[in-house]
N, C-alpha and C. Protein backbone atom coordinates (compact mmCIF):
# COMPACT_ATOMS: atom_id res chain seq x y z
N MET A 1 68.03 133.77 190.32
CA MET A 1 67.35 133.19 189.35
C MET A 1 67.45 131.69 189.58
N VAL A 2 66.19 130.68 189.30
CA VAL A 2 66.21 129.52 189.59
C VAL A 2 66.64 128.94 188.20
N SER A 3 67.92 127.95 188.26
CA SER A 3 68.48 127.67 187.35
C SER A 3 68.60 126.17 186.91
N ASN A 4 68.26 125.13 187.96
CA ASN A 4 68.31 123.87 188.18
C ASN A 4 66.82 122.97 188.21
N LEU A 5 65.78 123.80 187.49
CA LEU A 5 64.44 123.60 187.18
C LEU A 5 64.45 122.65 185.72
N SER A 6 63.56 121.76 185.61
CA SER A 6 63.69 120.90 184.39
C SER A 6 62.72 121.94 183.67
N ILE A 7 62.75 121.89 182.24
CA ILE A 7 61.62 122.27 181.41
C ILE A 7 60.99 121.33 180.75
N GLU A 8 59.70 121.33 180.87
CA GLU A 8 58.89 120.21 180.18
C GLU A 8 58.15 121.05 179.22
N GLU A 9 57.80 120.20 177.95
CA GLU A 9 56.72 120.92 176.99
C GLU A 9 55.33 120.41 177.11
N VAL A 10 54.53 121.38 176.91
CA VAL A 10 53.32 120.97 176.96
C VAL A 10 52.50 121.13 175.61
N THR A 11 52.09 120.13 175.00
CA THR A 11 51.56 120.24 173.63
C THR A 11 49.80 120.44 173.72
N ILE A 12 49.60 121.25 172.82
CA ILE A 12 48.15 121.32 172.82
C ILE A 12 47.75 120.86 171.09
N ASP A 13 47.16 119.86 171.07
CA ASP A 13 46.57 119.50 169.74
C ASP A 13 45.27 120.12 169.46
N PHE A 14 44.94 120.96 168.43
CA PHE A 14 43.85 121.64 168.14
C PHE A 14 43.08 121.14 166.47
N THR A 15 43.86 119.77 166.57
CA THR A 15 43.42 119.55 164.90
C THR A 15 41.85 118.74 165.28
N GLY A 16 41.40 118.82 166.06
CA GLY A 16 40.00 118.37 166.32
C GLY A 16 38.87 119.76 166.35
N VAL A 17 39.43 120.91 166.29
CA VAL A 17 38.71 121.88 166.55
C VAL A 17 37.75 122.29 165.09
N PRO A 18 36.46 122.44 165.23
CA PRO A 18 35.99 122.86 163.95
C PRO A 18 36.38 124.08 163.31
N THR A 19 36.80 123.87 161.90
CA THR A 19 36.88 125.13 161.47
C THR A 19 35.95 126.08 160.70
N ILE A 20 34.56 125.29 160.78
CA ILE A 20 33.29 126.08 160.23
C ILE A 20 32.38 125.76 161.59
N PRO A 21 32.46 126.58 162.64
CA PRO A 21 32.03 126.32 163.73
C PRO A 21 30.28 126.19 163.85
N THR A 22 29.69 125.60 164.47
CA THR A 22 28.15 125.52 164.40
C THR A 22 28.13 125.78 166.12
N GLY A 23 27.29 126.59 166.40
CA GLY A 23 26.61 126.99 167.79
C GLY A 23 28.24 127.54 168.78
N LYS A 24 27.88 128.21 169.96
CA LYS A 24 28.67 128.98 170.47
C LYS A 24 29.36 127.81 171.23
N ARG A 25 29.53 126.89 171.59
CA ARG A 25 30.61 125.95 172.03
C ARG A 25 31.93 125.93 171.10
N ASN A 26 31.70 125.40 169.80
CA ASN A 26 32.63 125.52 168.72
C ASN A 26 33.09 126.43 168.40
N LEU A 27 32.11 127.86 168.41
CA LEU A 27 32.83 129.21 167.95
C LEU A 27 33.76 129.36 169.19
N GLN A 28 33.65 129.24 170.36
CA GLN A 28 34.76 129.39 171.43
C GLN A 28 35.96 128.65 171.18
N LYS A 29 35.66 127.24 170.67
CA LYS A 29 36.67 126.64 170.57
C LYS A 29 37.74 126.98 169.63
N LEU A 30 36.99 127.36 168.53
CA LEU A 30 37.74 127.94 167.05
C LEU A 30 38.50 129.23 167.49
N GLU A 31 37.65 130.21 168.34
CA GLU A 31 38.51 131.47 168.81
C GLU A 31 39.60 131.14 169.56
N LEU A 32 39.51 130.31 170.53
CA LEU A 32 40.84 129.53 171.71
C LEU A 32 41.64 129.45 170.76
N ALA A 33 41.22 128.37 169.81
CA ALA A 33 42.31 127.88 169.04
C ALA A 33 43.22 128.95 168.41
N LEU A 34 42.44 129.85 167.80
CA LEU A 34 43.28 130.97 167.00
C LEU A 34 44.17 132.12 167.81
N ILE A 35 43.61 132.00 168.97
CA ILE A 35 44.32 132.87 169.94
C ILE A 35 45.55 132.16 170.46
N VAL A 36 45.30 131.07 170.99
CA VAL A 36 46.61 130.33 171.32
C VAL A 36 47.62 129.83 170.42
N GLY A 37 47.21 129.29 169.30
CA GLY A 37 47.77 129.19 168.15
C GLY A 37 48.84 130.05 167.27
N THR A 38 48.15 131.54 167.46
CA THR A 38 48.49 132.55 167.09
C THR A 38 50.01 133.05 168.12
N LEU A 39 49.14 133.31 169.36
CA LEU A 39 50.14 133.74 170.79
C LEU A 39 51.47 132.85 170.40
N TYR A 40 51.45 131.71 170.22
CA TYR A 40 52.62 130.77 170.18
C TYR A 40 53.65 130.78 168.96
N SER A 41 53.08 131.51 168.22
CA SER A 41 53.78 131.51 166.66
C SER A 41 55.20 132.44 167.33
N PRO A 42 56.17 132.04 166.73
CA PRO A 42 57.57 132.68 167.06
C PRO A 42 57.64 134.48 166.62
N GLU A 43 56.72 134.43 165.43
CA GLU A 43 56.58 135.99 165.50
C GLU A 43 56.01 136.66 166.60
N VAL A 44 54.83 136.44 166.96
CA VAL A 44 53.91 137.09 167.99
C VAL A 44 54.88 136.97 169.38
N ILE A 45 55.51 135.62 169.83
CA ILE A 45 56.35 135.93 170.91
C ILE A 45 57.26 136.78 170.86
N GLU A 46 57.95 136.90 169.64
CA GLU A 46 58.90 138.14 169.88
C GLU A 46 58.77 139.44 170.03
N LEU A 47 57.34 139.82 169.39
CA LEU A 47 56.83 141.00 169.37
C LEU A 47 56.49 141.33 170.66
N ILE A 48 55.73 140.43 171.20
CA ILE A 48 55.07 140.32 172.93
C ILE A 48 56.37 140.70 174.02
N LYS A 49 57.57 140.54 173.65
CA LYS A 49 58.37 140.82 174.63
C LYS A 49 58.76 142.22 175.02
N ASP A 50 58.35 143.07 174.26
CA ASP A 50 58.12 144.48 174.67
C ASP A 50 57.15 144.56 175.39
N PRO A 51 57.19 145.07 176.88
CA PRO A 51 56.00 145.29 177.56
C PRO A 51 54.90 146.33 176.90
N VAL A 52 55.71 147.15 176.38
CA VAL A 52 54.66 148.24 175.87
C VAL A 52 53.82 147.79 174.62
N GLU A 53 54.29 147.05 173.96
CA GLU A 53 53.56 146.32 173.04
C GLU A 53 52.87 145.27 173.22
N ARG A 54 53.04 144.57 174.55
CA ARG A 54 52.29 143.48 174.86
C ARG A 54 50.89 143.50 174.95
N ALA A 55 50.16 144.66 175.51
CA ALA A 55 48.74 144.63 175.72
C ALA A 55 48.32 145.32 174.38
N THR A 56 48.70 146.00 173.57
CA THR A 56 48.20 146.45 172.53
C THR A 56 48.05 145.06 171.41
N TRP A 57 49.17 144.34 171.36
CA TRP A 57 49.04 143.00 170.26
C TRP A 57 48.17 141.83 171.21
N ILE A 58 48.20 141.57 172.14
CA ILE A 58 47.02 140.67 172.81
C ILE A 58 45.54 141.04 172.76
N ASP A 59 45.48 142.30 172.86
CA ASP A 59 43.94 142.92 172.72
C ASP A 59 43.86 142.73 171.26
N SER A 60 44.47 143.26 170.47
CA SER A 60 44.43 143.13 168.71
C SER A 60 44.29 141.72 168.63
N LEU A 61 45.16 140.68 168.84
CA LEU A 61 45.16 139.49 168.68
C LEU A 61 43.68 138.86 168.91
N ALA A 62 43.13 138.91 170.20
CA ALA A 62 41.74 138.45 170.67
C ALA A 62 40.61 139.13 169.69
N ILE A 63 40.76 140.16 169.11
CA ILE A 63 39.67 140.81 168.24
C ILE A 63 39.86 140.20 166.94
N ALA A 64 41.15 140.07 166.47
CA ALA A 64 41.27 139.35 165.21
C ALA A 64 40.82 137.87 165.36
N ALA A 65 41.27 137.32 166.06
CA ALA A 65 40.98 135.72 166.56
C ALA A 65 39.39 135.49 166.52
N GLY A 66 38.57 136.56 167.54
CA GLY A 66 36.97 136.42 167.65
C GLY A 66 36.44 136.72 166.32
N ALA A 67 36.77 137.88 165.76
CA ALA A 67 36.26 138.38 164.49
C ALA A 67 36.31 137.41 163.48
N LEU A 68 37.52 136.38 163.04
CA LEU A 68 37.57 135.47 162.40
C LEU A 68 36.65 134.34 162.56
N ALA A 69 36.94 133.99 163.87
CA ALA A 69 35.67 132.77 164.33
C ALA A 69 34.32 132.99 164.02
N ARG A 70 33.87 134.01 164.23
CA ARG A 70 32.66 134.61 163.98
C ARG A 70 31.95 134.75 162.67
N GLN A 71 33.25 135.01 161.67
CA GLN A 71 32.75 135.13 160.28
C GLN A 71 32.72 133.74 159.83
N LYS A 72 33.69 132.94 160.39
CA LYS A 72 33.53 131.34 159.88
C LYS A 72 32.02 130.74 160.11
N ALA A 73 31.69 131.29 161.42
CA ALA A 73 30.52 130.83 162.32
C ALA A 73 29.12 131.33 161.08
N GLY A 74 29.48 132.31 160.31
CA GLY A 74 28.59 132.91 159.47
C GLY A 74 28.06 134.27 159.91
N TYR A 75 28.66 135.10 160.87
CA TYR A 75 28.07 136.00 161.48
C TYR A 75 28.48 137.12 160.10
N SER A 76 27.43 138.30 160.22
CA SER A 76 27.39 139.24 159.50
C SER A 76 28.62 140.25 159.91
N LEU A 77 29.15 141.02 159.16
CA LEU A 77 30.22 142.09 159.79
C LEU A 77 29.89 142.77 160.99
N ARG A 78 28.25 143.32 160.75
CA ARG A 78 27.72 144.19 161.54
C ARG A 78 27.57 143.28 162.99
N GLN A 79 27.11 142.19 162.88
CA GLN A 79 26.56 141.32 164.11
C GLN A 79 28.31 141.35 164.68
N ILE A 80 29.54 140.75 164.01
CA ILE A 80 30.86 140.85 164.82
C ILE A 80 31.12 142.05 165.57
N ALA A 81 30.91 143.11 164.86
CA ALA A 81 31.34 144.53 165.51
C ALA A 81 30.35 144.67 166.64
N GLU A 82 29.08 144.48 166.35
CA GLU A 82 28.38 144.82 167.78
C GLU A 82 28.83 143.59 168.96
N GLU A 83 29.15 142.31 168.49
CA GLU A 83 29.75 141.52 169.64
C GLU A 83 30.91 141.88 170.05
N LEU A 84 31.86 142.32 169.45
CA LEU A 84 33.17 142.45 169.82
C LEU A 84 33.21 143.71 170.22
N GLY A 85 32.25 145.04 169.85
CA GLY A 85 32.43 146.20 170.24
C GLY A 85 33.38 146.96 169.69
N ARG A 86 33.91 146.59 168.57
CA ARG A 86 34.76 147.39 167.69
C ARG A 86 34.17 147.98 165.99
N SER A 87 34.76 148.60 165.69
CA SER A 87 34.27 149.40 164.18
C SER A 87 34.40 148.02 163.15
N GLU A 88 33.35 148.25 162.20
CA GLU A 88 33.34 147.22 161.09
C GLU A 88 34.59 147.62 160.19
N VAL A 89 35.02 148.90 160.16
CA VAL A 89 36.33 148.85 159.56
C VAL A 89 37.58 148.51 159.96
N SER A 90 37.55 148.30 161.35
CA SER A 90 38.90 147.76 161.86
C SER A 90 38.49 146.32 161.91
N LEU A 91 37.60 145.96 161.74
CA LEU A 91 37.26 144.32 161.75
C LEU A 91 37.50 143.71 160.33
N ARG A 92 37.37 145.01 159.42
CA ARG A 92 37.45 144.40 157.90
C ARG A 92 39.02 144.27 157.89
N ALA A 93 39.49 145.07 158.28
CA ALA A 93 40.69 145.29 158.20
C ALA A 93 41.72 143.92 158.53
N HIS A 94 41.16 143.60 159.76
CA HIS A 94 41.83 142.25 160.55
C HIS A 94 41.59 141.03 159.40
N LEU A 95 39.94 140.95 159.19
CA LEU A 95 39.92 139.91 158.16
C LEU A 95 40.00 139.42 157.20
N SER A 96 40.73 140.76 156.44
CA SER A 96 41.26 140.70 154.79
C SER A 96 42.78 140.81 155.09
N GLY A 97 43.21 140.46 156.35
CA GLY A 97 44.45 140.61 156.43
C GLY A 97 45.42 141.72 156.25
N LYS A 98 44.79 142.87 156.56
CA LYS A 98 45.31 144.16 156.12
C LYS A 98 46.40 144.56 157.48
N THR A 99 45.94 143.88 158.53
CA THR A 99 46.76 144.26 159.81
C THR A 99 47.87 143.12 159.63
N LYS A 100 49.01 143.16 160.44
CA LYS A 100 49.52 142.21 160.65
C LYS A 100 48.92 141.21 161.56
N VAL A 101 48.37 141.44 162.96
CA VAL A 101 47.71 140.35 163.66
C VAL A 101 46.82 140.06 162.67
N GLY A 102 46.01 140.22 161.44
CA GLY A 102 45.24 139.96 161.06
C GLY A 102 45.69 138.75 160.32
N GLN A 103 46.63 139.21 159.41
CA GLN A 103 47.68 138.03 158.89
C GLN A 103 48.04 136.67 159.70
N LEU A 104 48.67 137.31 160.89
CA LEU A 104 48.95 136.08 161.58
C LEU A 104 47.93 134.99 162.05
N VAL A 105 46.60 135.97 162.40
CA VAL A 105 45.39 135.00 162.80
C VAL A 105 45.12 134.09 161.57
N LEU A 106 44.94 134.74 160.26
CA LEU A 106 44.83 133.86 159.01
C LEU A 106 45.94 132.74 158.85
N LYS A 107 47.00 133.09 159.03
CA LYS A 107 48.01 131.99 158.92
C LYS A 107 47.41 130.84 159.91
N THR A 108 47.32 131.39 161.29
CA THR A 108 47.08 130.07 162.13
C THR A 108 45.76 129.47 161.56
N TYR A 109 44.79 130.02 161.18
CA TYR A 109 43.40 129.65 160.62
C TYR A 109 44.00 128.41 159.61
N GLU A 110 44.70 129.00 158.59
CA GLU A 110 45.31 127.98 157.28
C GLU A 110 45.66 126.95 158.02
N ARG A 111 46.63 126.85 159.29
CA ARG A 111 47.03 125.85 159.50
C ARG A 111 46.13 124.50 160.07
N LEU A 112 45.26 125.35 160.94
CA LEU A 112 44.15 124.48 161.36
C LEU A 112 43.58 123.97 160.48
N VAL A 113 43.09 124.23 159.22
CA VAL A 113 42.37 123.81 158.36
C VAL A 113 43.23 122.44 157.80
N ARG A 114 44.44 122.67 157.81
CA ARG A 114 45.29 121.64 157.02
C ARG A 114 45.41 120.90 158.02
N GLY A 115 45.04 120.90 159.53
CA GLY A 115 45.16 120.20 160.59
C GLY A 115 46.57 119.92 161.03
N GLU A 116 47.21 121.11 160.95
CA GLU A 116 48.64 121.22 161.38
C GLU A 116 48.78 122.17 162.47
N LEU A 117 47.70 122.35 163.09
CA LEU A 117 47.85 123.25 164.43
C LEU A 117 47.95 122.41 165.69
N LYS A 118 49.03 122.23 165.96
CA LYS A 118 49.59 121.98 167.32
C LYS A 118 50.71 122.89 167.84
N VAL A 119 50.20 123.15 169.31
CA VAL A 119 51.15 124.32 169.91
C VAL A 119 52.18 123.40 170.79
N VAL A 120 53.43 123.65 170.70
CA VAL A 120 54.36 123.04 171.71
C VAL A 120 54.87 124.29 172.72
N ALA A 121 54.62 124.43 173.88
CA ALA A 121 54.91 125.29 174.70
C ALA A 121 56.00 125.01 175.69
N PRO A 122 56.86 125.65 176.00
CA PRO A 122 57.99 125.02 177.17
C PRO A 122 57.09 125.35 178.52
N PHE A 123 57.19 124.58 179.37
CA PHE A 123 56.67 125.06 180.86
C PHE A 123 57.91 124.66 181.99
N THR A 124 57.85 125.68 182.45
CA THR A 124 58.92 126.08 183.65
C THR A 124 57.98 126.25 184.77
N PRO A 125 58.09 125.53 185.74
CA PRO A 125 57.51 125.91 187.29
C PRO A 125 57.86 127.08 187.34
N LEU A 126 56.92 127.96 187.87
CA LEU A 126 57.08 129.41 188.25
C LEU A 126 57.50 129.44 189.78
N ILE A 127 58.81 129.50 189.95
CA ILE A 127 59.02 129.59 191.64
C ILE A 127 59.91 130.77 191.30
N HIS A 128 59.71 131.83 191.83
CA HIS A 128 60.03 133.17 192.04
C HIS A 128 60.69 133.76 193.38
N SER A 129 61.81 134.11 193.60
CA SER A 129 62.16 134.55 195.02
C SER A 129 61.49 136.06 195.43
N GLN A 130 61.14 136.38 196.86
CA GLN A 130 61.06 137.60 196.66
C GLN A 130 61.75 138.39 196.01
N ARG A 131 63.24 138.28 196.00
CA ARG A 131 64.13 139.57 195.39
C ARG A 131 63.50 139.59 193.83
N GLU A 132 63.51 138.38 193.10
CA GLU A 132 63.27 138.51 191.64
C GLU A 132 61.56 139.43 191.48
N MET A 133 61.09 139.04 192.28
CA MET A 133 59.48 139.67 192.21
C MET A 133 59.64 141.09 192.35
N GLU A 134 60.53 141.70 193.19
CA GLU A 134 60.86 142.84 193.63
C GLU A 134 61.87 143.44 192.18
N LEU A 135 62.68 143.03 191.90
CA LEU A 135 63.38 143.56 190.77
C LEU A 135 62.40 143.42 189.48
N GLU A 136 61.64 142.66 189.10
CA GLU A 136 60.90 142.40 188.07
C GLU A 136 59.87 143.87 188.39
N ASP A 137 59.33 143.91 189.31
CA ASP A 137 58.30 145.15 189.87
C ASP A 137 59.28 146.55 189.30
N ARG A 138 60.36 146.58 189.96
CA ARG A 138 61.21 147.58 189.74
C ARG A 138 61.44 147.91 188.17
N LEU A 139 61.93 146.93 187.50
CA LEU A 139 61.96 147.10 185.90
C LEU A 139 60.92 147.72 185.32
N ARG A 140 59.72 147.00 185.67
CA ARG A 140 58.48 147.75 185.28
C ARG A 140 58.16 149.03 185.54
N GLN A 141 58.45 149.55 186.86
CA GLN A 141 58.47 150.84 187.39
C GLN A 141 59.51 151.80 186.22
N LEU A 142 60.83 151.36 186.10
CA LEU A 142 61.71 152.04 185.57
C LEU A 142 61.23 152.09 183.75
N GLU A 143 60.90 151.06 183.48
CA GLU A 143 60.33 151.15 181.84
C GLU A 143 59.38 152.34 181.76
N LEU A 144 58.14 152.45 182.74
CA LEU A 144 57.29 153.25 182.68
C LEU A 144 57.74 155.04 182.70
N GLU A 145 58.83 154.93 183.86
CA GLU A 145 59.44 155.97 184.03
C GLU A 145 60.29 156.49 182.76
N LYS A 146 61.02 155.66 182.32
CA LYS A 146 61.66 155.78 180.92
C LYS A 146 60.72 156.55 179.76
N LEU A 147 59.55 155.96 179.54
CA LEU A 147 58.59 156.48 178.63
C LEU A 147 58.08 157.80 179.21
N ASN A 148 57.94 157.97 180.37
CA ASN A 148 57.49 159.15 180.69
C ASN A 148 58.61 160.11 180.35
N CYS A 149 59.89 159.95 180.79
CA CYS A 149 60.90 160.87 180.48
C CYS A 149 60.94 161.10 178.92
N GLN A 150 60.61 160.20 178.34
CA GLN A 150 60.69 160.46 176.63
C GLN A 150 59.78 161.06 176.19
N GLU A 151 58.64 161.28 176.72
CA GLU A 151 57.47 161.75 176.32
C GLU A 151 57.53 163.58 176.72
N SER A 152 58.22 163.36 177.94
CA SER A 152 58.85 164.98 178.76
C SER A 152 59.66 165.64 177.84
N LEU A 153 60.62 164.76 177.37
CA LEU A 153 61.67 165.17 176.33
C LEU A 153 61.09 165.63 175.21
N SER A 154 60.19 165.10 174.62
CA SER A 154 59.77 165.63 173.44
C SER A 154 59.03 166.66 173.65
N HIS A 155 58.19 166.78 174.57
CA HIS A 155 57.63 167.84 174.76
C HIS A 155 58.33 169.14 174.94
N LEU A 156 59.49 169.04 175.76
CA LEU A 156 60.37 170.21 176.03
C LEU A 156 61.09 170.57 174.89
N SER A 157 61.40 169.61 173.73
CA SER A 157 61.97 169.93 172.49
C SER A 157 60.93 170.81 171.75
N GLU A 158 59.79 170.20 171.71
CA GLU A 158 58.95 171.27 170.86
C GLU A 158 58.71 172.69 171.58
N GLU A 159 59.04 172.74 173.12
CA GLU A 159 58.95 173.98 173.56
C GLU A 159 60.02 174.69 173.19
N LEU A 160 60.96 174.29 173.12
CA LEU A 160 62.56 174.86 173.09
C LEU A 160 62.42 175.43 171.40
N SER A 161 61.82 174.66 170.60
CA SER A 161 61.84 174.90 169.25
C SER A 161 61.04 176.29 169.02
N LYS A 162 60.08 176.10 169.94
CA LYS A 162 58.77 177.38 169.89
C LYS A 162 59.46 178.65 170.54
N VAL A 163 60.18 178.41 171.59
CA VAL A 163 60.96 179.72 172.18
C VAL A 163 62.19 180.37 171.10
N LYS A 164 62.83 179.36 170.47
CA LYS A 164 63.96 179.65 169.50
C LYS A 164 63.40 180.31 168.50
N ALA A 165 62.28 179.88 167.83
CA ALA A 165 61.38 180.99 166.94
C ALA A 165 61.22 182.35 167.53
N GLU A 166 60.63 182.00 168.38
CA GLU A 166 60.19 183.63 168.78
C GLU A 166 61.29 184.75 169.38
N LEU A 167 62.44 183.84 169.58
CA LEU A 167 63.54 184.59 169.73
C LEU A 167 64.11 185.12 168.86
N GLU A 168 64.16 184.78 167.77
CA GLU A 168 64.63 185.10 166.37
C GLU A 168 63.62 186.22 165.89
N ILE A 169 62.25 186.06 166.42
CA ILE A 169 61.40 187.25 165.68
C ILE A 169 61.65 188.41 166.67
N VAL A 170 62.18 188.30 168.02
CA VAL A 170 62.62 189.43 168.53
C VAL A 170 63.84 189.77 168.07
N LYS A 171 64.70 189.01 167.85
CA LYS A 171 65.99 189.42 167.33
C LYS A 171 65.92 190.58 166.16
N ARG A 172 65.25 190.06 165.21
CA ARG A 172 65.18 190.71 164.24
C ARG A 172 64.19 192.02 164.57
N SER A 173 63.34 192.00 165.21
CA SER A 173 62.89 193.32 165.44
C SER A 173 63.59 194.18 166.28
N LEU A 174 64.45 193.87 167.22
CA LEU A 174 65.47 194.89 167.72
C LEU A 174 66.33 195.05 166.67
N GLU A 175 66.89 194.47 165.40
CA GLU A 175 67.99 194.62 164.80
C GLU A 175 67.29 195.98 163.76
N GLU A 176 66.09 195.77 163.82
CA GLU A 176 65.39 196.84 162.77
C GLU A 176 65.11 197.90 163.31
N LYS A 177 64.83 197.69 164.61
CA LYS A 177 64.63 199.22 165.83
C LYS A 177 66.26 199.68 165.70
N GLU A 178 67.23 199.13 165.89
CA GLU A 178 68.31 199.50 166.02
C GLU A 178 68.90 200.46 165.00
N LYS A 179 68.36 199.58 163.74
CA LYS A 179 68.69 200.40 162.88
C LYS A 179 68.30 201.71 162.19
N VAL A 180 66.61 201.73 162.74
CA VAL A 180 66.22 203.14 162.53
C VAL A 180 66.64 203.87 163.75
N ILE A 181 66.95 203.34 165.12
CA ILE A 181 67.65 204.54 165.72
C ILE A 181 69.13 205.09 165.21
N SER A 182 69.62 203.98 164.54
CA SER A 182 71.18 204.73 163.76
C SER A 182 70.71 205.77 162.83
N GLU A 183 69.55 205.42 162.18
CA GLU A 183 69.55 206.49 160.88
C GLU A 183 68.89 207.91 161.59
N ILE A 184 68.19 207.64 162.63
CA ILE A 184 67.73 208.73 163.24
C ILE A 184 68.75 209.85 163.70
N LYS A 185 69.90 208.86 164.31
CA LYS A 185 71.00 209.51 165.07
C LYS A 185 71.76 210.41 163.93
N GLU A 186 71.95 209.71 162.91
CA GLU A 186 72.55 210.20 161.52
C GLU A 186 72.20 211.63 161.23
N ILE A 187 70.86 211.48 161.32
CA ILE A 187 69.83 212.72 160.74
C ILE A 187 70.11 213.74 161.98
N LEU A 188 69.92 213.27 162.90
CA LEU A 188 70.12 214.41 164.07
C LEU A 188 71.71 214.88 163.71
N LYS A 189 72.72 214.27 163.62
CA LYS A 189 73.87 214.92 163.46
C LYS A 189 74.10 215.84 162.76
N SER A 190 73.48 215.60 161.58
CA SER A 190 73.59 216.19 160.15
C SER A 190 72.92 217.64 160.39
N VAL A 191 71.81 217.66 161.36
CA VAL A 191 71.02 218.84 161.62
C VAL A 191 71.44 220.09 162.20
């Protein structure tokens, strides 16, 4: 691990970004401000620490930010859906704040409107040894294997439950047949 590197801060000031964009360039600026501003919020940083959640969150964040920027530019919901390739229903959920990512993007937009959107991010030079990179790759592989094992365990548990249920049925059937055989033996003895 690299321990003696100094950490610097990088500040990005989004206060000059138009909140009601006119034109593609301003729309892109607003969209970028919403993505970066939300991505560096403490809630999102905590959420994306989980590698399984990371891809989903970042994709949802990009869609929610893109939808809000286009809405503020005056696009209709249909136009937004066509441009972003998502359903109107899912976009409406983001825009109304019914999704967690939608709520976070709306908070970021409110900070931008108030002129408070400045992102301060730690910046550490990325110097990784070959061993660190190998270990990170191995960790990712193990996390994927863990997920696969969990899925397999879940599938096998379901199969075991089915087999147990079938075994109970066969057991009851055998008990009934043994009872009939015992009754037949009793009848035969008395004859």
